[in-house]
Amino acid sequence: MDELFQEVPKPRLKELLQHLDLSASSWHRTSAAKKEAKKRPGPKPQVSLALISWVELIALENPWYGYHKLAILCRRSEIKVSDRQVYRILKDKKLLKKKRKRKAEEYPSARLFELLPQGVNQLWQMDVTYVYSGPQKLDNRLR
């Protein structure tokens, strides 16, 4: 009788999905309704045409700056604008600066190898050791 009431082990999700012929990505995919629920309600905030022209003018004068620095420049010229607004304007006008890909150092150990001595007399070291020899009387010449 005890055998009948033993707990049956639950199958793992991976095994269950294999039996159902489903991929894990489709099982965990969020539905469109959940995505819509996350969006902010109401229309997008309206930005004035004067603000758009100011941001565009500053962006064209400083094409090497990103949206954050452009927002700082706008605020310095007493234009009330947030970083988000500047980003949105630049995105709409296709003026966003592309993110620069940084080159990773391929072999940092090779640079360290260049610092190591390669021959004789390329590296000199010196060690200074202080040895206490007791109280000494100073000569009058050293005073």
Protein backbone atom coordinates (compact mmCIF):
# COMPACT_ATOMS: atom_id res chain seq x y z
CA MET A 1 0.00 0.00 0.00
CA ASP A 2 2.87 2.35 0.80
CA GLU A 3 4.20 1.81 -2.72
CA LEU A 4 1.06 3.34 -4.20
CA PHE A 5 1.40 6.54 -2.18
CA GLN A 6 5.07 7.13 -2.96
CA GLU A 7 5.72 10.38 -4.67
CA VAL A 8 6.35 10.16 -8.36
CA PRO A 9 9.42 12.24 -9.29
CA LYS A 10 8.56 15.25 -11.39
CA PRO A 11 10.21 15.31 -14.80
CA ARG A 12 12.71 18.05 -15.51
CA LEU A 13 11.60 20.83 -17.83
CA LYS A 14 14.26 19.91 -20.36
CA GLU A 15 12.98 16.33 -20.59
CA LEU A 16 9.38 17.49 -20.79
CA LEU A 17 10.17 19.89 -23.64
CA GLN A 18 12.02 17.15 -25.51
CA HIS A 19 8.94 14.89 -25.30
CA LEU A 20 6.71 17.74 -26.50
CA ASP A 21 9.17 18.66 -29.31
CA LEU A 22 9.40 22.26 -28.10
CA SER A 23 12.51 24.40 -27.86
CA ALA A 24 13.36 26.02 -24.54
CA SER A 25 13.37 29.48 -26.11
CA SER A 26 9.76 29.14 -27.28
CA TRP A 27 8.72 27.88 -23.83
CA HIS A 28 10.25 30.87 -22.03
CA ARG A 29 9.23 33.48 -24.62
CA THR A 30 7.11 36.27 -23.21
CA SER A 31 3.80 36.85 -24.86
CA ALA A 32 2.93 40.01 -26.79
CA ALA A 33 0.33 40.89 -24.15
CA LYS A 34 3.01 41.01 -21.44
CA LYS A 35 5.19 43.22 -23.63
CA GLU A 36 2.28 45.60 -24.24
CA ALA A 37 1.55 45.74 -20.50
CA LYS A 38 5.10 46.94 -19.82
CA LYS A 39 4.78 49.95 -22.13
CA ARG A 40 3.89 53.29 -20.62
CA PRO A 41 0.25 54.25 -21.06
CA GLY A 42 -0.66 57.31 -23.07
CA PRO A 43 0.94 59.16 -25.94
CA LYS A 44 4.65 59.91 -26.21
CA PRO A 45 5.70 63.23 -24.70
CA GLN A 46 5.70 66.06 -27.24
CA VAL A 47 8.87 68.05 -27.77
CA SER A 48 8.75 71.59 -29.13
CA LEU A 49 10.15 72.36 -32.57
CA ALA A 50 12.43 75.02 -31.08
CA LEU A 51 13.99 72.43 -28.77
CA ILE A 52 14.46 70.01 -31.67
CA SER A 53 16.18 72.68 -33.77
CA TRP A 54 18.46 73.69 -30.85
CA VAL A 55 19.50 70.13 -30.15
CA GLU A 56 20.04 69.47 -33.84
CA LEU A 57 22.15 72.64 -34.19
CA ILE A 58 24.34 71.75 -31.20
CA ALA A 59 24.70 68.16 -32.44
CA LEU A 60 25.83 69.33 -35.88
CA GLU A 61 28.32 71.76 -34.33
CA ASN A 62 29.77 68.98 -32.13
CA PRO A 63 29.44 65.73 -34.10
CA TRP A 64 31.99 63.92 -31.92
CA TYR A 65 29.90 64.26 -28.75
CA GLY A 66 27.36 61.74 -27.53
CA TYR A 67 23.83 62.51 -26.36
CA HIS A 68 24.85 62.90 -22.71
CA LYS A 69 27.47 65.56 -23.44
CA LEU A 70 25.10 67.30 -25.89
CA ALA A 71 22.46 67.47 -23.14
CA ILE A 72 25.03 69.09 -20.85
CA LEU A 73 25.86 71.66 -23.55
CA CYS A 74 22.15 72.42 -23.99
CA ARG A 75 21.70 72.95 -20.26
CA ARG A 76 24.76 75.23 -20.15
CA SER A 77 23.14 77.38 -22.82
CA GLU A 78 20.05 77.51 -20.54
CA ILE A 79 17.85 75.17 -22.56
CA LYS A 80 15.83 72.96 -20.24
CA VAL A 81 16.23 69.47 -21.63
CA SER A 82 16.83 65.99 -20.23
CA ASP A 83 19.25 63.38 -21.51
CA ARG A 84 16.30 61.23 -22.61
CA GLN A 85 14.84 64.02 -24.72
CA VAL A 86 18.18 64.64 -26.43
CA TYR A 87 18.58 60.91 -27.08
CA ARG A 88 15.07 60.67 -28.55
CA ILE A 89 15.62 63.71 -30.80
CA LEU A 90 18.98 62.43 -32.04
CA LYS A 91 17.50 59.01 -32.67
CA ASP A 92 14.63 60.47 -34.70
CA LYS A 93 17.02 62.64 -36.75
CA LYS A 94 19.53 59.76 -37.11
CA LEU A 95 22.31 61.83 -35.56
CA LEU A 96 23.28 59.39 -32.83
CA LYS A 97 26.98 58.76 -32.64
CA LYS A 98 27.82 55.11 -33.20
CA LYS A 99 29.38 53.39 -30.25
CA ARG A 100 33.09 52.95 -30.75
CA LYS A 101 34.37 49.42 -30.54
CA ARG A 102 37.35 49.30 -28.27
CA LYS A 103 40.22 47.09 -29.28
CA ALA A 104 41.09 44.56 -26.66
CA GLU A 105 44.77 44.06 -26.10
CA GLU A 106 45.46 40.81 -27.84
CA TYR A 107 48.55 39.75 -25.99
CA PRO A 108 49.24 41.72 -22.81
CA SER A 109 51.95 39.24 -21.83
CA ALA A 110 53.86 40.19 -24.99
CA ARG A 111 54.06 43.79 -23.78
CA LEU A 112 55.40 42.61 -20.44
CA PHE A 113 57.99 40.52 -22.25
CA GLU A 114 59.27 43.69 -23.96
CA LEU A 115 60.03 45.18 -20.54
CA LEU A 116 62.17 42.25 -19.45
CA PRO A 117 65.94 42.53 -19.98
CA GLN A 118 67.08 40.82 -23.18
CA GLY A 119 70.84 40.99 -22.67
CA VAL A 120 73.70 41.76 -20.35
CA ASN A 121 73.76 45.09 -18.42
CA GLN A 122 70.17 46.01 -19.36
CA LEU A 123 68.87 45.84 -15.81
CA TRP A 124 70.68 47.05 -12.74
CA GLN A 125 69.36 46.73 -9.23
CA MET A 126 70.55 48.15 -5.97
CA ASP A 127 69.69 47.22 -2.42
CA VAL A 128 70.40 49.50 0.53
CA THR A 129 70.52 47.92 3.96
CA TYR A 130 70.75 49.93 7.14
CA VAL A 131 72.64 48.31 9.99
CA TYR A 132 72.43 49.82 13.47
CA SER A 133 75.89 50.00 14.97
CA GLY A 134 75.05 51.67 18.26
CA PRO A 135 75.20 55.31 19.38
CA GLN A 136 77.85 57.34 17.57
CA LYS A 137 79.47 60.61 18.54
CA LEU A 138 79.15 63.23 15.85
CA ASP A 139 82.22 65.10 14.84
CA ASN A 140 82.14 68.90 15.11
CA ARG A 141 82.63 69.13 11.35
CA LEU A 142 79.26 67.44 10.67
CA ARG A 143 77.23 69.80 12.85
